[in-house]
Amino acid sequence: MSAVINTDKNSQKEPKKGKLLNKTILSWAIWDWGSAAFNAVATTFVFSTYLVSSLFGDPSESSIKLSWGLTIAGIIIALTAPISGQRADRKGKGTFWLGANSLVVFAALLGMFFVRPGSTFGMQGALWLGIILLSAGNIFFEFASVNYNAMLGRISTPENMGRVSGIGWAAGYLGGIVLLFLLLILFLGDNPLFPFPKDDGMHVRAAMVIAAFWFGLSALPVIFAIPGRKLEGHEEEAPETIVESYRHLVKTVKRLYKEAPHTLFFLFASAIFRDGLAGVFTYGAILAKVTFAFSDSEIILFAVASNVVAAAVTIIFGWVDDGIGPKKTIMISLFVMICMGLIVFFFHSEGKTVFWIAGLTLAGFVGPAQSASRSFLGRVIPEGREGEVFGLYATTGRAVSFLAPAMYGLFVTIGLNYVSPGQQSAHFGILGIISILLVGMLMLIPVKEKHAHLNSFDGK
């Protein structure tokens, strides 16, 4: 196995791995807590919906432009995430790049304050500024996530890695709840403490300032708690070109295929089911609104409840992960979600209670599947090459990110043939999502954890 050395002159020891809730693990989890500022506030609930509002012209046209911006960002991530992680590994700069990438995300969030429809940029100029900031934030947030996930093996042991991963993932859910509640009270609710005028988006822009500092302050502890390190023998290497980085990446993939093919199999299987997991939250609110006639307040209440349940289940299943292994944990989670999805579909006519029970259970098992996927890779990646393989994890996920929207739309369209004229068929969309989960689960079955290990990685 290639040895690693510490590159932080101020800290010559690797992070302690004994206690489950030591200072290092808590510092690491706080980054996930703060990540909600970008995931929940910027990408999902607040800033993205602000950009496609009537303040910036026709919402349909704005939605198309935003979609193209995020598509380009996704392509950039897919092409560059593995080599960004690889270069950080080889130079021992994982912690440095976590900080640098987080800083760019902070700047993007802070810059969203200047996205004002009546600014000197003009309405369309402000829209494009917002799209650029959100797209850039997506790119660098993904890069930061690669460096962040790569730290899992350094702060945990094989005996507690599932619990540590679960703590981090649950912290993200809880951070989102707390931050959204805070923003609702301050700026975004019906009776906020600071009732800013909405014609220039000041309420949203102020919220993005809070989100920026929420993320920025949350990113600081892990940067100081976990020092950098590098592969022994690479200390004096000259800077490599982008072409050389891709050559190293190709060699890595070839070696994985030859010596640890089950790691590649897992990357492909997880890419499929992770897109289905993303679809659960993306289209859950749509189903609640269209199929079960939830009011806006009920949707918010369901969103809060689903995050609380997901956080609790994720922490509990961290123990399950450590007890029976990450693959079985993922399989159980996917099986439960498929069953709950079928209940939502077949019993949708029974009313809201069905969605509160089955939909909440379905959402609750997203976290355990995601967390166990991270711990699966964390257990099998050779020491010192975590960033590169987690970069591949990001790439494979981005490569199939079209599946959930495509399958949801396909099944809703098919459903039109089975409902009476004038009736909606949105409930058929859940079949598209669970079909992705089913395919991912079936692809995961032949993966053997004991054959997914690769003891060393020269990488030259």
Protein backbone atom coordinates (compact mmCIF):
# COMPACT_ATOMS: atom_id res chain seq x y z
CA MET A 1 0.00 0.00 0.00
CA SER A 2 1.30 3.46 -0.80
CA ALA A 3 2.20 5.33 2.32
CA VAL A 4 0.86 8.78 3.04
CA ILE A 5 2.47 11.65 4.85
CA ASN A 6 1.04 14.69 6.60
CA THR A 7 1.46 17.96 4.73
CA ASP A 8 0.28 20.27 7.50
CA LYS A 9 3.33 21.57 9.40
CA ASN A 10 1.17 22.59 12.33
CA SER A 11 -0.37 19.18 12.87
CA GLN A 12 1.73 16.06 12.50
CA LYS A 13 -0.88 13.53 13.55
CA GLU A 14 -3.69 11.91 11.65
CA PRO A 15 -7.21 12.56 13.02
CA LYS A 16 -8.21 10.41 15.99
CA LYS A 17 -10.64 7.62 15.13
CA GLY A 18 -11.67 6.22 18.50
CA LYS A 19 -14.71 8.04 19.88
CA LEU A 20 -17.74 8.27 17.66
CA LEU A 21 -18.42 11.93 18.43
CA ASN A 22 -14.95 13.34 18.81
CA LYS A 23 -13.92 16.86 17.80
CA THR A 24 -12.73 15.78 14.35
CA ILE A 25 -15.96 13.99 13.40
CA LEU A 26 -18.11 16.85 14.67
CA SER A 27 -15.99 19.35 12.70
CA TRP A 28 -16.43 17.19 9.61
CA ALA A 29 -20.20 16.85 10.11
CA ILE A 30 -20.61 20.62 10.55
CA TRP A 31 -19.61 21.08 6.89
CA ASP A 32 -22.56 18.85 5.93
CA TRP A 33 -24.78 20.89 8.28
CA GLY A 34 -23.80 24.06 6.41
CA SER A 35 -24.16 22.47 2.98
CA ALA A 36 -27.93 22.96 3.27
CA ALA A 37 -27.31 26.63 2.55
CA PHE A 38 -26.48 25.69 -1.02
CA ASN A 39 -28.52 22.51 -1.53
CA ALA A 40 -31.77 23.57 0.12
CA VAL A 41 -31.71 27.36 -0.14
CA ALA A 42 -29.89 28.12 -3.40
CA THR A 43 -30.59 25.08 -5.55
CA THR A 44 -33.97 23.75 -4.40
CA PHE A 45 -36.34 26.04 -2.53
CA VAL A 46 -35.37 29.71 -2.65
CA PHE A 47 -32.93 31.13 -5.19
CA SER A 48 -33.74 28.82 -8.12
CA THR A 49 -37.46 29.54 -7.76
CA TYR A 50 -36.65 33.27 -7.49
CA LEU A 51 -34.88 33.13 -10.88
CA VAL A 52 -37.86 31.55 -12.62
CA SER A 53 -40.39 33.97 -11.10
CA SER A 54 -42.15 36.68 -13.10
CA LEU A 55 -39.63 39.23 -11.77
CA PHE A 56 -37.27 38.12 -14.54
CA GLY A 57 -39.75 37.89 -17.39
CA ASP A 58 -41.59 34.88 -18.71
CA PRO A 59 -41.10 32.02 -16.20
CA SER A 60 -41.02 29.39 -18.96
CA GLU A 61 -38.21 31.14 -20.80
CA SER A 62 -36.30 31.71 -17.56
CA SER A 63 -36.72 28.02 -16.68
CA ILE A 64 -35.24 26.99 -20.02
CA LYS A 65 -32.25 29.30 -19.58
CA LEU A 66 -31.69 28.06 -16.03
CA SER A 67 -31.93 24.47 -17.22
CA TRP A 68 -29.25 25.06 -19.85
CA GLY A 69 -26.98 26.74 -17.31
CA LEU A 70 -27.25 23.84 -14.87
CA THR A 71 -26.84 21.32 -17.70
CA ILE A 72 -23.54 22.92 -18.72
CA ALA A 73 -22.46 22.91 -15.08
CA GLY A 74 -23.31 19.20 -14.85
CA ILE A 75 -21.22 18.42 -17.93
CA ILE A 76 -18.24 20.31 -16.49
CA ILE A 77 -18.57 18.39 -13.21
CA ALA A 78 -18.80 15.04 -14.99
CA LEU A 79 -15.66 15.75 -17.03
CA THR A 80 -13.50 17.26 -14.30
CA ALA A 81 -14.51 15.89 -10.88
CA PRO A 82 -12.28 12.77 -11.03
CA ILE A 83 -9.12 14.62 -12.03
CA SER A 84 -9.77 17.38 -9.49
CA GLY A 85 -9.90 14.72 -6.77
CA GLN A 86 -6.92 12.89 -8.21
CA ARG A 87 -4.72 15.99 -8.33
CA ALA A 88 -5.68 16.82 -4.75
CA ASP A 89 -4.75 13.26 -3.69
CA ARG A 90 -1.35 13.27 -5.35
CA LYS A 91 -0.33 16.65 -3.97
CA GLY A 92 -1.81 16.14 -0.52
CA LYS A 93 -4.08 19.13 -1.00
CA GLY A 94 -7.48 17.62 -0.20
CA THR A 95 -8.04 19.88 2.80
CA PHE A 96 -6.71 22.92 0.96
CA TRP A 97 -9.03 22.36 -2.00
CA LEU A 98 -11.99 21.69 0.28
CA GLY A 99 -11.37 25.14 1.72
CA ALA A 100 -10.74 26.78 -1.65
CA ASN A 101 -13.80 25.26 -3.30
CA SER A 102 -15.96 26.10 -0.29
CA LEU A 103 -14.72 29.69 -0.52
CA VAL A 104 -15.91 29.92 -4.13
CA VAL A 105 -19.32 28.55 -3.10
CA PHE A 106 -19.47 31.16 -0.32
CA ALA A 107 -18.64 33.90 -2.85
CA ALA A 108 -21.31 32.61 -5.26
CA LEU A 109 -23.94 32.64 -2.50
CA LEU A 110 -22.91 36.12 -1.42
CA GLY A 111 -22.97 37.31 -5.04
CA MET A 112 -26.61 36.27 -5.33
CA PHE A 113 -27.47 39.35 -3.28
CA PHE A 114 -26.71 41.45 -6.38
CA VAL A 115 -29.15 39.54 -8.60
CA ARG A 116 -31.82 42.23 -8.69
CA PRO A 117 -34.25 42.60 -11.62
CA GLY A 118 -34.06 46.40 -11.50
CA SER A 119 -30.25 46.58 -11.33
CA THR A 120 -27.89 48.19 -13.84
CA PHE A 121 -27.54 44.77 -15.46
CA GLY A 122 -31.15 44.95 -16.64
CA MET A 123 -33.73 42.21 -16.13
CA GLN A 124 -32.11 39.68 -18.47
CA GLY A 125 -28.61 40.63 -17.37
CA ALA A 126 -29.55 40.00 -13.76
CA LEU A 127 -31.13 36.68 -14.73
CA TRP A 128 -27.94 35.54 -16.46
CA LEU A 129 -25.87 36.71 -13.50
CA GLY A 130 -28.04 34.55 -11.24
CA ILE A 131 -27.74 31.56 -13.58
CA ILE A 132 -23.96 31.93 -13.77
CA LEU A 133 -23.64 32.19 -9.99
CA LEU A 134 -25.90 29.19 -9.37
CA SER A 135 -24.12 27.11 -12.04
CA ALA A 136 -20.67 28.05 -10.74
CA GLY A 137 -21.83 27.28 -7.21
CA ASN A 138 -22.96 23.83 -8.36
CA ILE A 139 -19.59 23.11 -9.94
CA PHE A 140 -17.47 24.13 -6.98
CA PHE A 141 -19.88 22.64 -4.44
CA GLU A 142 -19.49 19.29 -6.20
CA PHE A 143 -15.70 19.68 -6.20
CA ALA A 144 -15.81 20.49 -2.48
CA SER A 145 -18.05 17.46 -1.87
CA VAL A 146 -15.47 15.20 -3.53
CA ASN A 147 -12.76 16.47 -1.14
CA TYR A 148 -15.19 16.26 1.78
CA ASN A 149 -16.30 12.68 1.10
CA ALA A 150 -12.68 11.66 0.62
CA MET A 151 -12.04 12.45 4.31
CA LEU A 152 -14.44 9.79 5.58
CA GLY A 153 -11.87 7.03 5.74
CA ARG A 154 -9.43 9.25 7.63
CA ILE A 155 -11.80 10.11 10.48
CA SER A 156 -13.45 6.70 10.94
CA THR A 157 -12.63 3.02 11.19
CA PRO A 158 -14.20 0.09 9.32
CA GLU A 159 -16.12 -0.60 12.53
CA ASN A 160 -17.82 2.83 12.76
CA MET A 161 -17.68 4.23 9.22
CA GLY A 162 -21.41 3.68 8.64
CA ARG A 163 -22.31 5.61 11.78
CA VAL A 164 -19.90 8.45 10.99
CA SER A 165 -21.24 8.77 7.45
CA GLY A 166 -24.79 8.70 8.79
CA ILE A 167 -24.05 11.44 11.32
CA GLY A 168 -22.76 13.69 8.54
CA TRP A 169 -25.71 12.98 6.27
CA ALA A 170 -28.22 13.53 9.06
CA ALA A 171 -26.51 16.82 9.95
CA GLY A 172 -27.23 17.99 6.40
CA TYR A 173 -30.94 17.24 6.77
CA LEU A 174 -31.18 18.97 10.13
CA GLY A 175 -29.16 21.97 8.97
CA GLY A 176 -31.59 22.45 6.10
CA ILE A 177 -34.57 22.44 8.43
CA VAL A 178 -33.07 24.94 10.85
CA LEU A 179 -31.86 27.30 8.13
CA LEU A 180 -35.14 27.26 6.20
CA PHE A 181 -37.09 27.96 9.39
CA LEU A 182 -34.73 30.81 10.21
CA LEU A 183 -35.15 32.34 6.76
CA LEU A 184 -38.93 31.96 6.93
CA ILE A 185 -39.00 33.83 10.23
CA LEU A 186 -36.62 36.57 9.10
CA PHE A 187 -37.52 37.25 5.47
CA LEU A 188 -39.56 34.66 3.57
CA GLY A 189 -42.65 33.92 5.66
CA ASP A 190 -46.09 35.53 5.49
CA ASN A 191 -45.28 37.77 8.49
CA PRO A 192 -41.47 38.04 8.58
CA LEU A 193 -39.50 39.99 11.16
CA PHE A 194 -37.98 41.99 8.31
CA PRO A 195 -40.74 42.62 5.74
CA PHE A 196 -38.54 43.74 2.85
CA PRO A 197 -40.25 44.80 -0.40
CA LYS A 198 -40.58 41.94 -2.83
CA ASP A 199 -40.66 43.84 -6.11
CA ASP A 200 -36.84 43.89 -6.28
CA GLY A 201 -36.38 40.51 -4.58
CA MET A 202 -34.83 42.02 -1.46
CA HIS A 203 -36.37 39.32 0.75
CA VAL A 204 -34.66 36.57 -1.26
CA ARG A 205 -31.42 38.50 -1.69
CA ALA A 206 -31.16 39.08 2.05
CA ALA A 207 -31.80 35.38 2.62
CA MET A 208 -28.86 34.54 0.36
CA VAL A 209 -26.53 36.67 2.50
CA ILE A 210 -27.56 34.67 5.57
CA ALA A 211 -27.12 31.43 3.59
CA ALA A 212 -23.64 32.50 2.47
CA PHE A 213 -22.38 33.08 6.00
CA TRP A 214 -24.19 29.98 7.27
CA PHE A 215 -22.20 27.90 4.77
CA GLY A 216 -18.95 29.83 5.13
CA LEU A 217 -18.80 29.57 8.92
CA SER A 218 -19.80 25.88 8.80
CA ALA A 219 -16.94 25.13 6.40
CA LEU A 220 -14.23 26.47 8.73
CA PRO A 221 -14.01 23.76 11.46
CA VAL A 222 -13.13 20.84 9.16
CA ILE A 223 -10.42 22.85 7.42
CA PHE A 224 -8.59 23.33 10.72
CA ALA A 225 -9.41 19.90 12.17
CA ILE A 226 -8.13 17.64 9.38
CA PRO A 227 -4.63 18.31 7.98
CA GLY A 228 -3.59 17.63 4.41
CA ARG A 229 -1.55 14.60 3.38
CA LYS A 230 -0.03 13.16 0.23
CA LEU A 231 1.23 9.92 -1.25
CA GLU A 232 4.78 9.11 -0.24
CA GLY A 233 7.09 9.34 -3.23
CA HIS A 234 5.15 12.16 -4.89
CA GLU A 235 6.56 15.00 -2.76
CA GLU A 236 8.90 16.38 -5.41
CA GLU A 237 6.77 15.75 -8.48
CA ALA A 238 6.51 18.57 -10.98
CA PRO A 239 3.02 19.93 -11.64
CA GLU A 240 1.21 17.71 -14.11
CA THR A 241 -0.79 18.88 -17.08
CA ILE A 242 -4.51 18.28 -17.55
CA VAL A 243 -3.68 15.70 -20.24
CA GLU A 244 -1.43 13.82 -17.82
CA SER A 245 -4.19 13.90 -15.21
CA TYR A 246 -6.58 12.25 -17.64
CA ARG A 247 -3.95 9.65 -18.49
CA HIS A 248 -3.65 8.83 -14.79
CA LEU A 249 -7.44 8.61 -14.59
CA VAL A 250 -7.61 6.17 -17.51
CA LYS A 251 -4.98 4.01 -15.82
CA THR A 252 -6.99 4.08 -12.60
CA VAL A 253 -10.16 2.93 -14.37
CA LYS A 254 -8.26 0.17 -16.18
CA ARG A 255 -6.74 -1.03 -12.96
CA LEU A 256 -10.09 -0.98 -11.21
CA TYR A 257 -11.55 -3.05 -14.03
CA LYS A 258 -8.68 -5.53 -13.84
CA GLU A 259 -8.12 -5.85 -10.09
CA ALA A 260 -11.32 -4.60 -8.42
CA PRO A 261 -14.13 -4.75 -11.00
CA HIS A 262 -16.78 -4.85 -8.30
CA THR A 263 -15.85 -1.29 -7.37
CA LEU A 264 -16.70 -0.26 -10.93
CA PHE A 265 -19.89 -2.32 -10.79
CA PHE A 266 -20.86 -0.46 -7.63
CA LEU A 267 -20.15 2.92 -9.24
CA PHE A 268 -22.48 2.05 -12.13
CA ALA A 269 -25.22 0.60 -9.90
CA SER A 270 -25.08 3.48 -7.43
CA ALA A 271 -25.25 6.03 -10.25
CA ILE A 272 -28.61 4.54 -11.24
CA PHE A 273 -30.25 4.26 -7.84
CA ARG A 274 -28.83 7.60 -6.62
CA ASP A 275 -30.63 9.33 -9.48
CA GLY A 276 -33.80 7.63 -8.31
CA LEU A 277 -33.12 8.85 -4.77
CA ALA A 278 -32.78 12.40 -6.06
CA GLY A 279 -36.07 11.96 -7.91
CA VAL A 280 -37.87 11.05 -4.67
CA PHE A 281 -37.35 14.54 -3.25
CA THR A 282 -37.55 16.34 -6.58
CA TYR A 283 -40.97 14.97 -7.51
CA GLY A 284 -42.36 14.26 -4.04
CA ALA A 285 -43.67 17.82 -3.68
CA ILE A 286 -45.24 17.62 -7.14
CA LEU A 287 -47.09 14.42 -6.23
CA ALA A 288 -48.22 15.93 -2.94
CA LYS A 289 -49.58 19.00 -4.72
CA VAL A 290 -51.12 17.45 -7.82
CA THR A 291 -52.21 13.97 -6.74
CA PHE A 292 -52.98 14.44 -3.05
CA ALA A 293 -54.08 18.11 -3.14
CA PHE A 294 -51.70 19.28 -0.42
CA SER A 295 -51.85 22.99 0.29
CA ASP A 296 -48.64 25.05 0.24
CA SER A 297 -48.46 24.99 4.03
CA GLU A 298 -49.01 21.22 4.07
CA ILE A 299 -46.18 20.77 1.55
CA ILE A 300 -43.82 22.78 3.75
CA LEU A 301 -44.93 20.76 6.78
CA PHE A 302 -44.36 17.52 4.87
CA ALA A 303 -40.92 18.73 3.74
CA VAL A 304 -39.95 19.46 7.33
CA ALA A 305 -41.33 16.13 8.56
CA SER A 306 -39.58 14.17 5.80
CA ASN A 307 -36.23 15.78 6.63
CA VAL A 308 -36.64 15.06 10.34
CA VAL A 309 -37.58 11.43 9.62
CA ALA A 310 -34.75 11.05 7.09
CA ALA A 311 -32.21 12.41 9.61
CA ALA A 312 -33.40 10.05 12.35
CA VAL A 313 -33.52 6.98 10.09
CA THR A 314 -30.10 7.80 8.64
CA ILE A 315 -28.51 7.94 12.10
CA ILE A 316 -30.20 4.68 13.17
CA PHE A 317 -29.16 2.90 9.98
CA GLY A 318 -25.56 4.00 10.53
CA TRP A 319 -25.52 1.29 13.21
CA VAL A 320 -27.15 -1.14 10.77
CA ASP A 321 -24.47 -0.30 8.19
CA ASP A 322 -21.69 -1.07 10.66
CA GLY A 323 -23.46 -4.25 11.75
CA ILE A 324 -24.44 -5.92 8.46
CA GLY A 325 -22.47 -3.93 5.91
CA PRO A 326 -23.28 -1.07 3.54
CA LYS A 327 -24.51 -3.22 0.64
CA LYS A 328 -27.23 -4.90 2.69
CA THR A 329 -28.16 -1.51 4.17
CA ILE A 330 -28.60 -0.08 0.67
CA MET A 331 -30.60 -3.12 -0.45
CA ILE A 332 -32.96 -2.84 2.53
CA SER A 333 -33.43 0.89 1.95
CA LEU A 334 -34.15 0.48 -1.75
CA PHE A 335 -36.57 -2.41 -1.11
CA VAL A 336 -38.52 -0.37 1.45
CA MET A 337 -38.71 2.62 -0.90
CA ILE A 338 -39.93 0.48 -3.80
CA CYS A 339 -42.66 -1.04 -1.60
CA MET A 340 -43.73 2.37 -0.30
CA GLY A 341 -43.77 3.76 -3.83
CA LEU A 342 -46.11 0.99 -4.95
CA ILE A 343 -48.39 1.73 -2.00
CA VAL A 344 -48.50 5.41 -2.98
CA PHE A 345 -49.39 4.42 -6.55
CA PHE A 346 -52.03 1.78 -5.87
CA PHE A 347 -53.70 3.54 -2.94
CA HIS A 348 -53.44 7.19 -4.06
CA SER A 349 -57.22 7.47 -4.22
CA GLU A 350 -57.46 6.84 -0.46
CA GLY A 351 -56.36 10.39 0.32
CA LYS A 352 -53.63 12.29 2.11
CA THR A 353 -53.13 9.76 4.89
CA VAL A 354 -51.58 7.34 2.40
CA PHE A 355 -49.00 9.89 1.34
CA TRP A 356 -48.27 10.95 4.91
CA ILE A 357 -47.49 7.35 5.87
CA ALA A 358 -46.01 5.78 2.73
CA GLY A 359 -44.50 8.94 1.29
CA LEU A 360 -42.87 9.87 4.59
CA THR A 361 -41.45 6.35 4.95
CA LEU A 362 -40.19 6.45 1.38
CA ALA A 363 -38.43 9.79 1.93
CA GLY A 364 -37.03 8.56 5.24
CA PHE A 365 -34.95 5.83 3.59
CA VAL A 366 -33.25 8.10 1.06
CA GLY A 367 -30.64 9.14 3.62
CA PRO A 368 -29.57 5.61 4.66
CA ALA A 369 -29.09 4.60 1.02
CA GLN A 370 -27.00 7.70 0.30
CA SER A 371 -24.97 7.42 3.49
CA ALA A 372 -24.29 3.70 3.04
CA SER A 373 -23.18 4.34 -0.56
CA ARG A 374 -20.57 6.76 0.77
CA SER A 375 -19.40 4.31 3.43
CA PHE A 376 -19.23 1.46 0.87
CA LEU A 377 -16.67 3.41 -1.15
CA GLY A 378 -14.96 4.67 1.97
CA ARG A 379 -14.28 1.07 3.02
CA VAL A 380 -12.77 -0.11 -0.27
CA ILE A 381 -10.76 2.84 -1.62
CA PRO A 382 -6.99 2.55 -1.13
CA GLU A 383 -5.52 5.06 1.30
CA GLY A 384 -4.46 8.23 -0.46
CA ARG A 385 -6.69 7.82 -3.53
CA GLU A 386 -10.06 8.70 -2.04
CA GLY A 387 -10.51 11.96 -3.93
CA GLU A 388 -10.01 10.32 -7.29
CA VAL A 389 -12.52 7.53 -6.73
CA PHE A 390 -15.09 9.83 -5.12
CA GLY A 391 -14.57 12.02 -8.19
CA LEU A 392 -15.58 9.03 -10.33
CA TYR A 393 -18.55 8.63 -7.98
CA ALA A 394 -19.62 12.19 -8.82
CA THR A 395 -19.02 11.65 -12.55
CA THR A 396 -21.07 8.48 -12.85
CA GLY A 397 -23.90 10.14 -10.95
CA ARG A 398 -23.91 13.14 -13.26
CA ALA A 399 -23.75 10.92 -16.35
CA VAL A 400 -27.21 9.44 -15.66
CA SER A 401 -28.86 12.49 -14.08
CA PHE A 402 -31.35 12.59 -16.96
CA LEU A 403 -32.99 9.33 -15.87
CA ALA A 404 -35.33 10.56 -13.12
CA PRO A 405 -36.92 13.41 -15.10
CA ALA A 406 -37.11 11.25 -18.23
CA MET A 407 -38.73 8.27 -16.51
CA TYR A 408 -41.08 10.43 -14.48
CA GLY A 409 -42.26 12.20 -17.62
CA LEU A 410 -42.52 8.94 -19.57
CA PHE A 411 -44.73 7.23 -17.00
CA VAL A 412 -46.93 10.30 -16.54
CA THR A 413 -47.43 10.31 -20.33
CA ILE A 414 -48.19 6.58 -20.35
CA GLY A 415 -50.64 7.13 -17.51
CA LEU A 416 -52.75 9.43 -19.68
CA ASN A 417 -53.91 6.30 -21.50
CA TYR A 418 -55.26 4.82 -18.28
CA VAL A 419 -57.16 7.73 -16.74
CA SER A 420 -60.45 9.28 -17.73
CA PRO A 421 -60.34 12.37 -20.00
CA GLY A 422 -59.62 15.47 -17.96
CA GLN A 423 -58.04 13.56 -15.07
CA GLN A 424 -54.38 13.98 -14.19
CA SER A 425 -51.92 11.07 -14.29
CA ALA A 426 -49.17 12.45 -12.05
CA HIS A 427 -49.38 9.42 -9.76
CA PHE A 428 -47.99 7.27 -12.59
CA GLY A 429 -44.76 9.22 -12.24
CA ILE A 430 -43.93 7.38 -9.02
CA LEU A 431 -43.65 4.19 -11.12
CA GLY A 432 -40.92 5.86 -13.16
CA ILE A 433 -38.97 6.73 -10.02
CA ILE A 434 -39.28 3.30 -8.39
CA SER A 435 -38.35 1.61 -11.68
CA ILE A 436 -34.99 3.42 -11.48
CA LEU A 437 -34.59 2.29 -7.87
CA LEU A 438 -35.43 -1.28 -8.91
CA VAL A 439 -32.89 -1.33 -11.74
CA GLY A 440 -30.22 0.08 -9.43
CA MET A 441 -31.04 -2.53 -6.79
CA LEU A 442 -30.85 -5.37 -9.32
CA MET A 443 -27.50 -4.07 -10.58
CA LEU A 444 -26.24 -4.00 -7.00
CA ILE A 445 -27.07 -7.65 -6.28
CA PRO A 446 -23.99 -9.17 -8.01
CA VAL A 447 -21.60 -6.68 -6.39
CA LYS A 448 -19.38 -8.47 -3.86
CA GLU A 449 -17.95 -6.24 -1.15
CA LYS A 450 -14.98 -8.53 -0.50
CA HIS A 451 -14.03 -8.34 -4.19
CA ALA A 452 -14.30 -4.55 -4.31
CA HIS A 453 -11.09 -3.97 -2.35
CA LEU A 454 -7.87 -2.88 -4.01
CA ASN A 455 -4.99 -2.89 -1.58
CA SER A 456 -2.79 -0.37 -3.34
CA PHE A 457 -2.85 2.19 -6.08
CA ASP A 458 0.39 3.25 -7.69
CA GLY A 459 -1.38 5.58 -10.07
CA LYS A 460 1.74 6.27 -12.15
